[in-house]
Structure formats: C-alpha cells, structure tokens
Amino acid sequence: MNNKKSAELKAKEYLFDLRNVAIGNGFKPDEKWLISFSTQAYKAVIGKKYYATVATKASPEDVFAMFALAQTGLNHPITNTPDIKTIGLNQLQYLIAYKPERERQQAMPINF
C-alpha cells in the first residue's frame, strides 16, 4: 500500500473515531472539532485541558496528509497549521482533535 492510500485509510478511520466519540458523548452537531498537529508534549497538555480528545500517532508525512483529509472530511477550512521551522518536522507525531467548548472543569477546593 502506498503512502497516499495509507494516509487516506488512516484519515477515514480517524474521522470514524471522531464521529463515534461525538455520538458517544452526546455532543451537539454544531460543535466543531478543532484539529491540529501535535507533539507528544502538546498532546498531553490538550488531553488535560479539554474533555474528549481524539489523537492518533503517525509518521510526520502521514500526519500532514491526514490533517488535510480530516479537515476536508469534516468540512472545515484548513486553519491550524503550525510553524514547522520552530517545532521541527520529526516532532509532529500526532493528529489531535478536541472541542474548544468542552474545557475540563477544575476541581474546586472544599473548605469545612
């Protein structure tokens, strides 16, 4: 299987996962996913900040192809493009999606 077909298949699987997570968590149809490239460190930060993140690991070349295909599949304009010069191509190992409206609530301390 060539890289283009591999990226297309991975993107379709990723879109399937996004839809399943949205349905499983009762997200409204008008809530859009924000999709971004990600390093391992950024993935951890996003996972702690937002509820229901969906990430997948792939080679840097596949991540770029999957990003474009996922944005197209979700009918989103391509917006979130990182500055590769400052991040480094090899560090972009993940494609991550989250809903910006779904920030995790911080636990409030209880004082007695």
PDB file of N, CA and C in Angstrom:
ATOM      1  N   MET A   1       0.859  -1.183   0.000  1.00  0.00           N
ATOM      2  CA  MET A   1       0.000   0.000   0.000  1.00  0.00           C
ATOM      3  C   MET A   1       0.895   1.232   0.000  1.00  0.00           C
ATOM      4  N   ASN A   2       0.626   2.156  -0.911  1.00  0.00           N
ATOM      5  CA  ASN A   2       1.471   3.345  -0.963  1.00  0.00           C
ATOM      6  C   ASN A   2       1.076   4.322   0.141  1.00  0.00           C
ATOM      7  N   ASN A   3       1.916   5.333   0.349  1.00  0.00           N
ATOM      8  CA  ASN A   3       1.709   6.271   1.453  1.00  0.00           C
ATOM      9  C   ASN A   3       0.415   7.063   1.329  1.00  0.00           C
ATOM     10  N   LYS A   4       0.031   7.435   0.098  1.00  0.00           N
ATOM     11  CA  LYS A   4      -1.188   8.216  -0.075  1.00  0.00           C
ATOM     12  C   LYS A   4      -2.408   7.401   0.337  1.00  0.00           C
ATOM     13  N   LYS A   5      -2.472   6.147  -0.105  1.00  0.00           N
ATOM     14  CA  LYS A   5      -3.590   5.280   0.267  1.00  0.00           C
ATOM     15  C   LYS A   5      -3.579   5.011   1.761  1.00  0.00           C
ATOM     16  N   SER A   6      -2.399   4.823   2.316  1.00  0.00           N
ATOM     17  CA  SER A   6      -2.276   4.589   3.747  1.00  0.00           C
ATOM     18  C   SER A   6      -2.801   5.786   4.534  1.00  0.00           C
ATOM     19  N   ALA A   7      -2.432   6.990   4.141  1.00  0.00           N
ATOM     20  CA  ALA A   7      -2.902   8.197   4.813  1.00  0.00           C
ATOM     21  C   ALA A   7      -4.404   8.362   4.651  1.00  0.00           C
ATOM     22  N   GLU A   8      -4.941   8.036   3.474  1.00  0.00           N
ATOM     23  CA  GLU A   8      -6.387   8.135   3.253  1.00  0.00           C
ATOM     24  C   GLU A   8      -7.146   7.173   4.152  1.00  0.00           C
ATOM     25  N   LEU A   9      -6.662   5.946   4.266  1.00  0.00           N
ATOM     26  CA  LEU A   9      -7.302   4.954   5.115  1.00  0.00           C
ATOM     27  C   LEU A   9      -7.243   5.382   6.583  1.00  0.00           C
ATOM     28  N   LYS A  10      -6.085   5.861   7.011  1.00  0.00           N
ATOM     29  CA  LYS A  10      -5.943   6.328   8.396  1.00  0.00           C
ATOM     30  C   LYS A  10      -6.851   7.523   8.667  1.00  0.00           C
ATOM     31  N   ALA A  11      -6.976   8.425   7.696  1.00  0.00           N
ATOM     32  CA  ALA A  11      -7.846   9.593   7.866  1.00  0.00           C
ATOM     33  C   ALA A  11      -9.306   9.163   7.974  1.00  0.00           C
ATOM     34  N   LYS A  12      -9.721   8.191   7.178  1.00  0.00           N
ATOM     35  CA  LYS A  12     -11.102   7.694   7.258  1.00  0.00           C
ATOM     36  C   LYS A  12     -11.356   7.043   8.617  1.00  0.00           C
ATOM     37  N   GLU A  13     -10.403   6.273   9.104  1.00  0.00           N
ATOM     38  CA  GLU A  13     -10.539   5.666  10.427  1.00  0.00           C
ATOM     39  C   GLU A  13     -10.598   6.739  11.514  1.00  0.00           C
ATOM     40  N   TYR A  14      -9.810   7.782  11.353  1.00  0.00           N
ATOM     41  CA  TYR A  14      -9.782   8.878  12.319  1.00  0.00           C
ATOM     42  C   TYR A  14     -11.128   9.618  12.338  1.00  0.00           C
ATOM     43  N   LEU A  15     -11.688   9.886  11.165  1.00  0.00           N
ATOM     44  CA  LEU A  15     -12.994  10.536  11.079  1.00  0.00           C
ATOM     45  C   LEU A  15     -14.081   9.653  11.702  1.00  0.00           C
ATOM     46  N   PHE A  16     -13.978   8.352  11.491  1.00  0.00           N
ATOM     47  CA  PHE A  16     -14.918   7.411  12.096  1.00  0.00           C
ATOM     48  C   PHE A  16     -14.822   7.498  13.618  1.00  0.00           C
ATOM     49  N   ASP A  17     -13.610   7.532  14.154  1.00  0.00           N
ATOM     50  CA  ASP A  17     -13.407   7.651  15.601  1.00  0.00           C
ATOM     51  C   ASP A  17     -13.971   8.972  16.133  1.00  0.00           C
ATOM     52  N   LEU A  18     -13.751  10.066  15.407  1.00  0.00           N
ATOM     53  CA  LEU A  18     -14.287  11.366  15.824  1.00  0.00           C
ATOM     54  C   LEU A  18     -15.811  11.336  15.915  1.00  0.00           C
ATOM     55  N   ARG A  19     -16.428  10.774  14.915  1.00  0.00           N
ATOM     56  CA  ARG A  19     -17.896  10.698  14.921  1.00  0.00           C
ATOM     57  C   ARG A  19     -18.398   9.825  16.065  1.00  0.00           C
ATOM     58  N   ASN A  20     -17.746   8.703  16.306  1.00  0.00           N
ATOM     59  CA  ASN A  20     -18.153   7.823  17.403  1.00  0.00           C
ATOM     60  C   ASN A  20     -18.001   8.497  18.761  1.00  0.00           C
ATOM     61  N   VAL A  21     -16.925   9.209  18.968  1.00  0.00           N
ATOM     62  CA  VAL A  21     -16.714   9.913  20.234  1.00  0.00           C
ATOM     63  C   VAL A  21     -17.769  11.005  20.407  1.00  0.00           C
ATOM     64  N   ALA A  22     -18.066  11.724  19.345  1.00  0.00           N
ATOM     65  CA  ALA A  22     -19.074  12.783  19.412  1.00  0.00           C
ATOM     66  C   ALA A  22     -20.442  12.206  19.770  1.00  0.00           C
ATOM     67  N   ILE A  23     -20.825  11.125  19.124  1.00  0.00           N
ATOM     68  CA  ILE A  23     -22.120  10.491  19.404  1.00  0.00           C
ATOM     69  C   ILE A  23     -22.123   9.905  20.816  1.00  0.00           C
ATOM     70  N   GLY A  24     -21.056   9.214  21.171  1.00  0.00           N
ATOM     71  CA  GLY A  24     -20.968   8.580  22.480  1.00  0.00           C
ATOM     72  C   GLY A  24     -20.995   9.551  23.646  1.00  0.00           C
ATOM     73  N   ASN A  25     -20.548  10.774  23.418  1.00  0.00           N
ATOM     74  CA  ASN A  25     -20.524  11.782  24.479  1.00  0.00           C
ATOM     75  C   ASN A  25     -21.667  12.789  24.375  1.00  0.00           C
ATOM     76  N   GLY A  26     -22.563  12.576  23.435  1.00  0.00           N
ATOM     77  CA  GLY A  26     -23.726  13.440  23.298  1.00  0.00           C
ATOM     78  C   GLY A  26     -23.410  14.854  22.839  1.00  0.00           C
ATOM     79  N   PHE A  27     -22.367  15.002  22.045  1.00  0.00           N
ATOM     80  CA  PHE A  27     -22.028  16.321  21.548  1.00  0.00           C
ATOM     81  C   PHE A  27     -23.063  16.777  20.528  1.00  0.00           C
ATOM     82  N   LYS A  28     -23.319  18.056  20.507  1.00  0.00           N
ATOM     83  CA  LYS A  28     -24.274  18.642  19.566  1.00  0.00           C
ATOM     84  C   LYS A  28     -23.652  18.677  18.170  1.00  0.00           C
ATOM     85  N   PRO A  29     -24.483  18.527  17.142  1.00  0.00           N
ATOM     86  CA  PRO A  29     -23.953  18.535  15.766  1.00  0.00           C
ATOM     87  C   PRO A  29     -23.244  19.835  15.381  1.00  0.00           C
ATOM     88  N   ASP A  30     -23.619  20.956  16.011  1.00  0.00           N
ATOM     89  CA  ASP A  30     -22.987  22.229  15.646  1.00  0.00           C
ATOM     90  C   ASP A  30     -21.665  22.465  16.373  1.00  0.00           C
ATOM     91  N   GLU A  31     -21.293  21.584  17.287  1.00  0.00           N
ATOM     92  CA  GLU A  31     -19.989  21.701  17.953  1.00  0.00           C
ATOM     93  C   GLU A  31     -18.921  21.132  17.027  1.00  0.00           C
ATOM     94  N   LYS A  32     -17.995  21.972  16.641  1.00  0.00           N
ATOM     95  CA  LYS A  32     -16.959  21.547  15.698  1.00  0.00           C
ATOM     96  C   LYS A  32     -15.716  21.068  16.425  1.00  0.00           C
ATOM     97  N   TRP A  33     -15.060  20.098  15.822  1.00  0.00           N
ATOM     98  CA  TRP A  33     -13.765  19.638  16.306  1.00  0.00           C
ATOM     99  C   TRP A  33     -12.702  20.618  15.834  1.00  0.00           C
ATOM    100  N   LEU A  34     -11.741  20.894  16.670  1.00  0.00           N
ATOM    101  CA  LEU A  34     -10.557  21.646  16.269  1.00  0.00           C
ATOM    102  C   LEU A  34      -9.455  20.606  16.096  1.00  0.00           C
ATOM    103  N   ILE A  35      -8.888  20.537  14.914  1.00  0.00           N
ATOM    104  CA  ILE A  35      -7.868  19.531  14.610  1.00  0.00           C
ATOM    105  C   ILE A  35      -6.530  20.226  14.458  1.00  0.00           C
ATOM    106  N   SER A  36      -5.496  19.614  15.031  1.00  0.00           N
ATOM    107  CA  SER A  36      -4.170  20.209  14.997  1.00  0.00           C
ATOM    108  C   SER A  36      -3.104  19.125  14.918  1.00  0.00           C
ATOM    109  N   PHE A  37      -1.952  19.515  14.419  1.00  0.00           N
ATOM    110  CA  PHE A  37      -0.769  18.670  14.536  1.00  0.00           C
ATOM    111  C   PHE A  37      -0.336  18.731  15.985  1.00  0.00           C
ATOM    112  N   SER A  38       0.409  17.756  16.421  1.00  0.00           N
ATOM    113  CA  SER A  38       0.765  17.762  17.827  1.00  0.00           C
ATOM    114  C   SER A  38       2.075  17.024  18.081  1.00  0.00           C
ATOM    115  N   THR A  39       2.810  17.558  19.027  1.00  0.00           N
ATOM    116  CA  THR A  39       3.942  16.831  19.581  1.00  0.00           C
ATOM    117  C   THR A  39       3.395  16.013  20.748  1.00  0.00           C
ATOM    118  N   GLN A  40       4.200  15.149  21.295  1.00  0.00           N
ATOM    119  CA  GLN A  40       3.756  14.346  22.432  1.00  0.00           C
ATOM    120  C   GLN A  40       3.437  15.239  23.634  1.00  0.00           C
ATOM    121  N   ALA A  41       4.231  16.259  23.852  1.00  0.00           N
ATOM    122  CA  ALA A  41       4.012  17.159  24.991  1.00  0.00           C
ATOM    123  C   ALA A  41       2.720  17.956  24.817  1.00  0.00           C
ATOM    124  N   TYR A  42       2.464  18.470  23.616  1.00  0.00           N
ATOM    125  CA  TYR A  42       1.248  19.242  23.356  1.00  0.00           C
ATOM    126  C   TYR A  42       0.017  18.354  23.492  1.00  0.00           C
ATOM    127  N   LYS A  43       0.122  17.108  23.050  1.00  0.00           N
ATOM    128  CA  LYS A  43      -0.977  16.151  23.177  1.00  0.00           C
ATOM    129  C   LYS A  43      -1.357  15.966  24.641  1.00  0.00           C
ATOM    130  N   ALA A  44      -0.378  15.866  25.511  1.00  0.00           N
ATOM    131  CA  ALA A  44      -0.641  15.702  26.940  1.00  0.00           C
ATOM    132  C   ALA A  44      -1.336  16.933  27.518  1.00  0.00           C
ATOM    133  N   VAL A  45      -0.893  18.115  27.122  1.00  0.00           N
ATOM    134  CA  VAL A  45      -1.499  19.362  27.608  1.00  0.00           C
ATOM    135  C   VAL A  45      -2.951  19.459  27.158  1.00  0.00           C
ATOM    136  N   ILE A  46      -3.218  19.192  25.893  1.00  0.00           N
ATOM    137  CA  ILE A  46      -4.576  19.263  25.355  1.00  0.00           C
ATOM    138  C   ILE A  46      -5.467  18.225  26.039  1.00  0.00           C
ATOM    139  N   GLY A  47      -4.943  17.030  26.260  1.00  0.00           N
ATOM    140  CA  GLY A  47      -5.712  15.979  26.916  1.00  0.00           C
ATOM    141  C   GLY A  47      -6.132  16.338  28.329  1.00  0.00           C
ATOM    142  N   LYS A  48      -5.304  17.112  29.023  1.00  0.00           N
ATOM    143  CA  LYS A  48      -5.643  17.541  30.382  1.00  0.00           C
ATOM    144  C   LYS A  48      -6.597  18.725  30.384  1.00  0.00           C
ATOM    145  N   LYS A  49      -6.551  19.544  29.342  1.00  0.00           N
ATOM    146  CA  LYS A  49      -7.347  20.766  29.317  1.00  0.00           C
ATOM    147  C   LYS A  49      -8.760  20.558  28.762  1.00  0.00           C
ATOM    148  N   TYR A  50      -8.912  19.667  27.783  1.00  0.00           N
ATOM    149  CA  TYR A  50     -10.192  19.501  27.105  1.00  0.00           C
ATOM    150  C   TYR A  50     -10.754  18.107  27.309  1.00  0.00           C
ATOM    151  N   TYR A  51     -12.082  18.050  27.343  1.00  0.00           N
ATOM    152  CA  TYR A  51     -12.785  16.783  27.504  1.00  0.00           C
ATOM    153  C   TYR A  51     -13.008  16.156  26.135  1.00  0.00           C
ATOM    154  N   ALA A  52     -12.741  14.905  26.045  1.00  0.00           N
ATOM    155  CA  ALA A  52     -12.911  14.117  24.825  1.00  0.00           C
ATOM    156  C   ALA A  52     -11.979  14.577  23.716  1.00  0.00           C
ATOM    157  N   THR A  53     -10.737  14.219  23.862  1.00  0.00           N
ATOM    158  CA  THR A  53      -9.786  14.435  22.780  1.00  0.00           C
ATOM    159  C   THR A  53      -9.612  13.122  22.024  1.00  0.00           C
ATOM    160  N   VAL A  54      -9.321  13.229  20.745  1.00  0.00           N
ATOM    161  CA  VAL A  54      -9.065  12.057  19.926  1.00  0.00           C
ATOM    162  C   VAL A  54      -7.734  12.293  19.230  1.00  0.00           C
ATOM    163  N   ALA A  55      -6.769  11.435  19.506  1.00  0.00           N
ATOM    164  CA  ALA A  55      -5.439  11.587  18.917  1.00  0.00           C
ATOM    165  C   ALA A  55      -5.029  10.286  18.245  1.00  0.00           C
ATOM    166  N   THR A  56      -4.225  10.437  17.230  1.00  0.00           N
ATOM    167  CA  THR A  56      -3.656   9.271  16.565  1.00  0.00           C
ATOM    168  C   THR A  56      -2.208   9.567  16.222  1.00  0.00           C
ATOM    169  N   LYS A  57      -1.387   8.557  16.337  1.00  0.00           N
ATOM    170  CA  LYS A  57       0.036   8.710  16.043  1.00  0.00           C
ATOM    171  C   LYS A  57       0.313   8.198  14.631  1.00  0.00           C
ATOM    172  N   ALA A  58       1.150   8.921  13.920  1.00  0.00           N
ATOM    173  CA  ALA A  58       1.521   8.537  12.561  1.00  0.00           C
ATOM    174  C   ALA A  58       2.858   9.177  12.216  1.00  0.00           C
ATOM    175  N   SER A  59       3.406   8.772  11.111  1.00  0.00           N
ATOM    176  CA  SER A  59       4.646   9.393  10.649  1.00  0.00           C
ATOM    177  C   SER A  59       4.358  10.847  10.293  1.00  0.00           C
ATOM    178  N   PRO A  60       5.365  11.721  10.341  1.00  0.00           N
ATOM    179  CA  PRO A  60       5.123  13.132  10.005  1.00  0.00           C
ATOM    180  C   PRO A  60       4.489  13.327   8.627  1.00  0.00           C
ATOM    181  N   GLU A  61       4.893  12.532   7.651  1.00  0.00           N
ATOM    182  CA  GLU A  61       4.324  12.666   6.319  1.00  0.00           C
ATOM    183  C   GLU A  61       2.844  12.296   6.324  1.00  0.00           C
ATOM    184  N   ASP A  62       2.499  11.208   7.013  1.00  0.00           N
ATOM    185  CA  ASP A  62       1.098  10.793   7.096  1.00  0.00           C
ATOM    186  C   ASP A  62       0.271  11.782   7.901  1.00  0.00           C
ATOM    187  N   VAL A  63       0.846  12.362   8.945  1.00  0.00           N
ATOM    188  CA  VAL A  63       0.112  13.329   9.767  1.00  0.00           C
ATOM    189  C   VAL A  63      -0.331  14.516   8.916  1.00  0.00           C
ATOM    190  N   PHE A  64       0.540  15.013   8.068  1.00  0.00           N
ATOM    191  CA  PHE A  64       0.194  16.149   7.212  1.00  0.00           C
ATOM    192  C   PHE A  64      -0.920  15.777   6.236  1.00  0.00           C
ATOM    193  N   ALA A  65      -0.814  14.612   5.615  1.00  0.00           N
ATOM    194  CA  ALA A  65      -1.853  14.176   4.674  1.00  0.00           C
ATOM    195  C   ALA A  65      -3.173  13.935   5.405  1.00  0.00           C
ATOM    196  N   MET A  66      -3.111  13.301   6.566  1.00  0.00           N
ATOM    197  CA  MET A  66      -4.316  13.022   7.342  1.00  0.00           C
ATOM    198  C   MET A  66      -4.989  14.312   7.800  1.00  0.00           C
ATOM    199  N   PHE A  67      -4.193  15.309   8.158  1.00  0.00           N
ATOM    200  CA  PHE A  67      -4.736  16.598   8.598  1.00  0.00           C
ATOM    201  C   PHE A  67      -5.604  17.204   7.506  1.00  0.00           C
ATOM    202  N   ALA A  68      -5.075  17.265   6.302  1.00  0.00           N
ATOM    203  CA  ALA A  68      -5.820  17.853   5.190  1.00  0.00           C
ATOM    204  C   ALA A  68      -7.072  17.033   4.885  1.00  0.00           C
ATOM    205  N   LEU A  69      -6.949  15.721   4.883  1.00  0.00           N
ATOM    206  CA  LEU A  69      -8.099  14.861   4.588  1.00  0.00           C
ATOM    207  C   LEU A  69      -9.161  14.949   5.676  1.00  0.00           C
ATOM    208  N   ALA A  70      -8.747  15.032   6.937  1.00  0.00           N
ATOM    209  CA  ALA A  70      -9.701  15.141   8.044  1.00  0.00           C
ATOM    210  C   ALA A  70     -10.426  16.480   8.002  1.00  0.00           C
ATOM    211  N   GLN A  71      -9.698  17.552   7.735  1.00  0.00           N
ATOM    212  CA  GLN A  71     -10.334  18.867   7.627  1.00  0.00           C
ATOM    213  C   GLN A  71     -11.366  18.861   6.503  1.00  0.00           C
ATOM    214  N   THR A  72     -11.013  18.268   5.380  1.00  0.00           N
ATOM    215  CA  THR A  72     -11.935  18.180   4.254  1.00  0.00           C
ATOM    216  C   THR A  72     -13.140  17.313   4.615  1.00  0.00           C
ATOM    217  N   GLY A  73     -12.897  16.184   5.267  1.00  0.00           N
ATOM    218  CA  GLY A  73     -13.983  15.283   5.652  1.00  0.00           C
ATOM    219  C   GLY A  73     -14.952  15.900   6.640  1.00  0.00           C
ATOM    220  N   LEU A  74     -14.481  16.813   7.461  1.00  0.00           N
ATOM    221  CA  LEU A  74     -15.338  17.491   8.431  1.00  0.00           C
ATOM    222  C   LEU A  74     -15.898  18.810   7.892  1.00  0.00           C
ATOM    223  N   ASN A  75     -15.579  19.125   6.647  1.00  0.00           N
ATOM    224  CA  ASN A  75     -15.983  20.386   6.018  1.00  0.00           C
ATOM    225  C   ASN A  75     -15.484  21.597   6.795  1.00  0.00           C
ATOM    226  N   HIS A  76     -14.261  21.507   7.284  1.00  0.00           N
ATOM    227  CA  HIS A  76     -13.627  22.618   7.988  1.00  0.00           C
ATOM    228  C   HIS A  76     -12.622  23.278   7.064  1.00  0.00           C
ATOM    229  N   PRO A  77     -12.494  24.584   7.150  1.00  0.00           N
ATOM    230  CA  PRO A  77     -11.386  25.209   6.425  1.00  0.00           C
ATOM    231  C   PRO A  77     -10.075  24.842   7.113  1.00  0.00           C
ATOM    232  N   ILE A  78      -9.033  24.693   6.362  1.00  0.00           N
ATOM    233  CA  ILE A  78      -7.730  24.376   6.949  1.00  0.00           C
ATOM    234  C   ILE A  78      -7.187  25.637   7.597  1.00  0.00           C
ATOM    235  N   THR A  79      -7.057  25.604   8.923  1.00  0.00           N
ATOM    236  CA  THR A  79      -6.671  26.798   9.661  1.00  0.00           C
ATOM    237  C   THR A  79      -5.443  26.585  10.533  1.00  0.00           C
ATOM    238  N   ASN A  80      -5.404  25.518  11.240  1.00  0.00           N
ATOM    239  CA  ASN A  80      -4.426  25.308  12.300  1.00  0.00           C
ATOM    240  C   ASN A  80      -3.113  24.738  11.775  1.00  0.00           C
ATOM    241  N   THR A  81      -2.352  25.493  11.041  1.00  0.00           N
ATOM    242  CA  THR A  81      -1.092  24.974  10.518  1.00  0.00           C
ATOM    243  C   THR A  81       0.065  25.489  11.367  1.00  0.00           C
ATOM    244  N   PRO A  82       0.860  24.588  11.914  1.00  0.00           N
ATOM    245  CA  PRO A  82       1.950  25.012  12.787  1.00  0.00           C
ATOM    246  C   PRO A  82       3.137  25.535  12.005  1.00  0.00           C
ATOM    247  N   ASP A  83       3.980  26.275  12.685  1.00  0.00           N
ATOM    248  CA  ASP A  83       5.228  26.755  12.093  1.00  0.00           C
ATOM    249  C   ASP A  83       6.252  25.633  12.230  1.00  0.00           C
ATOM    250  N   ILE A  84       6.455  24.900  11.160  1.00  0.00           N
ATOM    251  CA  ILE A  84       7.316  23.725  11.187  1.00  0.00           C
ATOM    252  C   ILE A  84       8.758  24.090  11.504  1.00  0.00           C
ATOM    253  N   LYS A  85       9.188  25.282  11.140  1.00  0.00           N
ATOM    254  CA  LYS A  85      10.574  25.687  11.395  1.00  0.00           C
ATOM    255  C   LYS A  85      10.873  25.743  12.884  1.00  0.00           C
ATOM    256  N   THR A  86       9.897  26.155  13.688  1.00  0.00           N
ATOM    257  CA  THR A  86      10.148  26.269  15.124  1.00  0.00           C
ATOM    258  C   THR A  86       9.867  24.967  15.868  1.00  0.00           C
ATOM    259  N   ILE A  87       8.974  24.136  15.336  1.00  0.00           N
ATOM    260  CA  ILE A  87       8.637  22.892  16.023  1.00  0.00           C
ATOM    261  C   ILE A  87       9.563  21.767  15.591  1.00  0.00           C
ATOM    262  N   GLY A  88       9.790  21.628  14.338  1.00  0.00           N
ATOM    263  CA  GLY A  88      10.582  20.523  13.820  1.00  0.00           C
ATOM    264  C   GLY A  88       9.669  19.440  13.284  1.00  0.00           C
ATOM    265  N   LEU A  89       9.859  19.090  12.047  1.00  0.00           N
ATOM    266  CA  LEU A  89       9.002  18.126  11.366  1.00  0.00           C
ATOM    267  C   LEU A  89       8.924  16.787  12.093  1.00  0.00           C
ATOM    268  N   ASN A  90      10.034  16.272  12.579  1.00  0.00           N
ATOM    269  CA  ASN A  90      10.041  14.952  13.202  1.00  0.00           C
ATOM    270  C   ASN A  90       9.318  14.902  14.535  1.00  0.00           C
ATOM    271  N   GLN A  91       9.084  16.059  15.165  1.00  0.00           N
ATOM    272  CA  GLN A  91       8.381  16.073  16.445  1.00  0.00           C
ATOM    273  C   GLN A  91       6.868  16.008  16.267  1.00  0.00           C
ATOM    274  N   LEU A  92       6.373  16.311  15.086  1.00  0.00           N
ATOM    275  CA  LEU A  92       4.932  16.284  14.844  1.00  0.00           C
ATOM    276  C   LEU A  92       4.505  14.844  14.578  1.00  0.00           C
ATOM    277  N   GLN A  93       4.185  14.145  15.645  1.00  0.00           N
ATOM    278  CA  GLN A  93       3.877  12.723  15.556  1.00  0.00           C
ATOM    279  C   GLN A  93       2.389  12.428  15.678  1.00  0.00           C
ATOM    280  N   TYR A  94       1.594  13.408  16.080  1.00  0.00           N
ATOM    281  CA  TYR A  94       0.190  13.149  16.366  1.00  0.00           C
ATOM    282  C   TYR A  94      -0.718  14.099  15.608  1.00  0.00           C
ATOM    283  N   LEU A  95      -1.905  13.613  15.346  1.00  0.00           N
ATOM    284  CA  LEU A  95      -3.012  14.434  14.902  1.00  0.00           C
ATOM    285  C   LEU A  95      -3.997  14.382  16.063  1.00  0.00           C
ATOM    286  N   ILE A  96      -4.391  15.538  16.573  1.00  0.00           N
ATOM    287  CA  ILE A  96      -5.267  15.573  17.737  1.00  0.00           C
ATOM    288  C   ILE A  96      -6.477  16.455  17.446  1.00  0.00           C
ATOM    289  N   ALA A  97      -7.624  16.017  17.913  1.00  0.00           N
ATOM    290  CA  ALA A  97      -8.862  16.786  17.762  1.00  0.00           C
ATOM    291  C   ALA A  97      -9.486  16.960  19.138  1.00  0.00           C
ATOM    292  N   TYR A  98     -10.069  18.131  19.336  1.00  0.00           N
ATOM    293  CA  TYR A  98     -10.771  18.411  20.585  1.00  0.00           C
ATOM    294  C   TYR A  98     -11.834  19.455  20.303  1.00  0.00           C
ATOM    295  N   LYS A  99     -12.739  19.599  21.243  1.00  0.00           N
ATOM    296  CA  LYS A  99     -13.807  20.585  21.122  1.00  0.00           C
ATOM    297  C   LYS A  99     -13.472  21.733  22.062  1.00  0.00           C
ATOM    298  N   PRO A 100     -13.160  22.916  21.512  1.00  0.00           N
ATOM    299  CA  PRO A 100     -12.749  24.046  22.354  1.00  0.00           C
ATOM    300  C   PRO A 100     -13.799  24.444  23.389  1.00  0.00           C
ATOM    301  N   GLU A 101     -15.071  24.155  23.119  1.00  0.00           N
ATOM    302  CA  GLU A 101     -16.136  24.498  24.068  1.00  0.00           C
ATOM    303  C   GLU A 101     -16.152  23.561  25.270  1.00  0.00           C
ATOM    304  N   ARG A 102     -15.444  22.462  25.199  1.00  0.00           N
ATOM    305  CA  ARG A 102     -15.504  21.417  26.221  1.00  0.00           C
ATOM    306  C   ARG A 102     -14.255  21.391  27.101  1.00  0.00           C
ATOM    307  N   GLU A 103     -13.992  22.499  27.759  1.00  0.00           N
ATOM    308  CA  GLU A 103     -12.861  22.531  28.691  1.00  0.00           C
ATOM    309  C   GLU A 103     -13.215  21.748  29.940  1.00  0.00           C
ATOM    310  N   ARG A 104     -12.239  21.055  30.480  1.00  0.00           N
ATOM    311  CA  ARG A 104     -12.459  20.332  31.734  1.00  0.00           C
ATOM    312  C   ARG A 104     -12.622  21.338  32.861  1.00  0.00           C
ATOM    313  N   GLN A 105     -13.496  21.032  33.787  1.00  0.00           N
ATOM    314  CA  GLN A 105     -13.707  21.881  34.953  1.00  0.00           C
ATOM    315  C   GLN A 105     -12.610  21.592  35.972  1.00  0.00           C
ATOM    316  N   GLN A 106     -12.082  22.635  36.549  1.00  0.00           N
ATOM    317  CA  GLN A 106     -11.099  22.487  37.624  1.00  0.00           C
ATOM    318  C   GLN A 106     -11.849  22.166  38.906  1.00  0.00           C
ATOM    319  N   ALA A 107     -11.335  21.245  39.664  1.00  0.00           N
ATOM    320  CA  ALA A 107     -11.966  20.882  40.935  1.00  0.00           C
ATOM    321  C   ALA A 107     -11.858  22.052  41.908  1.00  0.00           C
ATOM    322  N   MET A 108     -12.969  22.366  42.499  1.00  0.00           N
ATOM    323  CA  MET A 108     -13.000  23.453  43.487  1.00  0.00           C
ATOM    324  C   MET A 108     -12.625  22.888  44.859  1.00  0.00           C
ATOM    325  N   PRO A 109     -11.727  23.533  45.578  1.00  0.00           N
ATOM    326  CA  PRO A 109     -11.396  23.041  46.914  1.00  0.00           C
ATOM    327  C   PRO A 109     -12.594  23.210  47.847  1.00  0.00           C
ATOM    328  N   ILE A 110     -12.792  22.241  48.688  1.00  0.00           N
ATOM    329  CA  ILE A 110     -13.892  22.294  49.641  1.00  0.00           C
ATOM    330  C   ILE A 110     -13.327  22.662  51.005  1.00  0.00           C
ATOM    331  N   ASN A 111     -13.812  23.743  51.545  1.00  0.00           N
ATOM    332  CA  ASN A 111     -13.362  24.186  52.870  1.00  0.00           C
ATOM    333  C   ASN A 111     -14.466  23.903  53.885  1.00  0.00           C
ATOM    334  N   PHE A 112     -14.110  23.265  54.956  1.00  0.00           N
ATOM    335  CA  PHE A 112     -15.066  22.982  56.025  1.00  0.00           C
ATOM    336  C   PHE A 112     -14.792  23.865  57.198  1.00  0.00           C
TER     337      PHE A 112
END
